[in-house]
Protein backbone atom coordinates (compact mmCIF):
# COMPACT_ATOMS: atom_id res chain seq x y z
CA UNK A 1 -257.95 39.81 101.13
CA UNK A 2 -260.64 40.85 98.86
CA UNK A 3 -260.53 40.74 94.66
CA UNK A 4 -259.81 41.39 91.36
CA UNK A 5 -256.09 42.96 92.23
CA UNK A 6 -254.64 44.30 89.54
CA UNK A 7 -250.48 44.56 90.72
CA UNK A 8 -248.78 47.30 88.88
CA UNK A 9 -245.45 49.23 88.82
CA UNK A 10 -245.43 52.01 90.99
CA UNK A 11 -243.31 53.86 89.09
CA UNK A 12 -244.55 53.74 85.42
CA UNK A 13 -246.39 56.53 84.46
CA UNK A 14 -247.84 54.37 81.69
CA UNK A 15 -248.99 52.28 84.40
CA UNK A 16 -250.46 55.04 86.03
CA UNK A 17 -252.15 56.27 84.01
CA UNK A 18 -254.13 53.84 82.42
CA UNK A 19 -255.35 53.00 86.32
CA UNK A 20 -256.84 56.38 86.65
CA UNK A 21 -258.15 55.49 83.12
CA UNK A 22 -260.06 52.40 85.29
CA UNK A 23 -260.28 54.22 88.06
CA UNK A 24 -262.34 56.95 85.78
CA UNK A 25 -264.61 54.81 83.83
CA UNK A 26 -265.23 52.47 86.92
CA UNK A 27 -265.35 48.70 86.90
CA UNK A 28 -267.61 45.62 87.56
CA UNK A 29 -265.77 44.09 90.43
CA UNK A 30 -264.58 47.45 91.55
CA UNK A 31 -260.67 46.47 91.09
CA UNK A 32 -258.34 46.88 94.00
CA UNK A 33 -254.46 47.80 93.17
CA UNK A 34 -251.28 46.80 94.18
CA UNK A 35 -247.73 47.88 93.66
CA UNK A 36 -246.40 44.86 92.08
CA UNK A 37 -243.28 45.68 94.70
CA UNK A 38 -244.90 45.40 97.12
CA UNK A 39 -245.80 42.40 100.11
CA UNK A 40 -248.92 42.12 98.67
CA UNK A 41 -247.71 40.76 96.15
CA UNK A 42 -244.83 38.98 97.02
CA UNK A 43 -247.94 36.97 99.51
CA UNK A 44 -249.74 36.49 95.86
CA UNK A 45 -247.96 35.97 93.28
CA UNK A 46 -245.84 33.00 91.93
CA UNK A 47 -241.98 32.97 91.82
CA UNK A 48 -242.27 32.60 88.35
CA UNK A 49 -243.82 36.08 87.56
CA UNK A 50 -241.15 37.51 89.98
CA UNK A 51 -237.94 37.10 87.58
CA UNK A 52 -235.75 39.70 86.21
CA UNK A 53 -237.20 39.51 82.84
CA UNK A 54 -240.77 39.67 83.36
CA UNK A 55 -242.26 43.33 82.70
CA UNK A 56 -245.75 42.77 83.01
CA UNK A 57 -248.62 43.69 84.82
CA UNK A 58 -250.36 40.95 87.17
CA UNK A 59 -254.51 39.81 87.62
CA UNK A 60 -255.02 38.18 89.98
CA UNK A 61 -259.04 38.14 89.98
CA UNK A 62 -260.74 34.20 90.66
CA UNK A 63 -257.91 32.96 92.43
CA UNK A 64 -256.00 33.03 88.50
CA UNK A 65 -253.65 34.59 87.43
CA UNK A 66 -253.38 37.24 84.25
CA UNK A 67 -250.37 38.54 83.04
CA UNK A 68 -249.49 40.69 79.94
CA UNK A 69 -252.71 41.40 76.70
CA UNK A 70 -254.78 38.93 78.94
CA UNK A 71 -254.49 40.76 82.10
CA UNK A 72 -255.33 44.12 79.36
CA UNK A 73 -258.48 42.35 77.95
CA UNK A 74 -259.78 40.21 81.36
CA UNK A 75 -259.25 44.25 82.68
CA UNK A 76 -261.60 45.67 79.59
CA UNK A 77 -263.92 42.89 80.62
CA UNK A 78 -264.87 44.37 83.20
CA UNK A 79 -266.07 47.26 82.08
CA UNK A 80 -268.79 49.49 81.01
CA UNK A 81 -270.21 49.47 77.80
CA UNK A 82 -269.25 50.50 74.87
CA UNK A 83 -265.52 50.22 76.01
CA UNK A 84 -266.09 46.60 76.13
CA UNK A 85 -265.86 46.72 72.50
CA UNK A 86 -262.06 46.52 72.50
CA UNK A 87 -262.15 42.79 73.38
CA UNK A 88 -262.38 42.65 69.97
CA UNK A 89 -258.59 42.45 70.14
CA UNK A 90 -258.58 39.33 70.93
CA UNK A 91 -259.06 38.22 67.57
CA UNK A 92 -255.76 38.89 66.92
CA UNK A 93 -253.55 36.01 67.30
CA UNK A 94 -251.74 35.10 70.43
CA UNK A 95 -248.37 35.81 69.49
CA UNK A 96 -248.88 39.32 67.62
CA UNK A 97 -250.65 40.47 71.24
CA UNK A 98 -247.85 39.28 72.83
CA UNK A 99 -245.22 40.78 71.14
CA UNK A 100 -247.21 43.88 70.93
CA UNK A 101 -247.71 44.16 74.77
CA UNK A 102 -243.67 43.11 75.04
CA UNK A 103 -242.95 46.15 72.84
CA UNK A 104 -245.34 48.96 74.71
CA UNK A 105 -243.39 47.44 78.30
CA UNK A 106 -240.15 47.50 76.98
CA UNK A 107 -240.39 51.37 75.10
CA UNK A 108 -242.82 52.49 77.91
CA UNK A 109 -239.60 54.57 79.85
CA UNK A 110 -238.47 55.87 76.52
CA UNK A 111 -242.72 57.41 75.92
CA UNK A 112 -242.49 58.03 80.36
CA UNK A 113 -240.48 59.21 82.48
CA UNK A 114 -239.79 57.10 85.29
CA UNK A 115 -241.47 58.88 88.21
CA UNK A 116 -239.55 58.59 91.21
CA UNK A 117 -242.65 57.51 93.80
CA UNK A 118 -245.92 55.98 93.69
CA UNK A 119 -248.40 58.96 92.97
CA UNK A 120 -250.71 59.31 95.68
CA UNK A 121 -254.49 58.31 94.13
CA UNK A 122 -257.27 60.94 94.64
CA UNK A 123 -258.97 60.33 98.53
CA UNK A 124 -262.35 58.79 96.77
CA UNK A 125 -259.70 56.10 95.44
CA UNK A 126 -257.99 55.27 98.41
CA UNK A 127 -259.25 52.33 100.00
CA UNK A 128 -259.10 50.41 96.41
CA UNK A 129 -255.00 50.89 96.84
CA UNK A 130 -253.17 48.20 99.13
CA UNK A 131 -250.21 50.35 100.69
CA UNK A 132 -247.36 47.80 102.00
């Protein structure tokens, strides 16, 4: 199966909006997307990332797993210029970035209603989605 794969919470409106932005801006290389609750995720993501308290997107890229803000910065590094300027955020302390990510993850359903079903992507991007 091709990489990179971004695993996300299919019922999260914030996650889905983030994916829409990635698709609109484009990345190099192109990303594939799969729900965290799917078969591909269960096969590709190590068990330590499947605990009930784990709350993060997961990026599989170059046979490495990235989570939380590290996944976000890996994604940003694949965006076109000038969006890569956001990589300057990596200069912030790791603990601050992790706390910020966890705060957003904890509050995402307060800000955006939980989706009943995972939205169907536009036809021109469907080949980038792994439905299983």
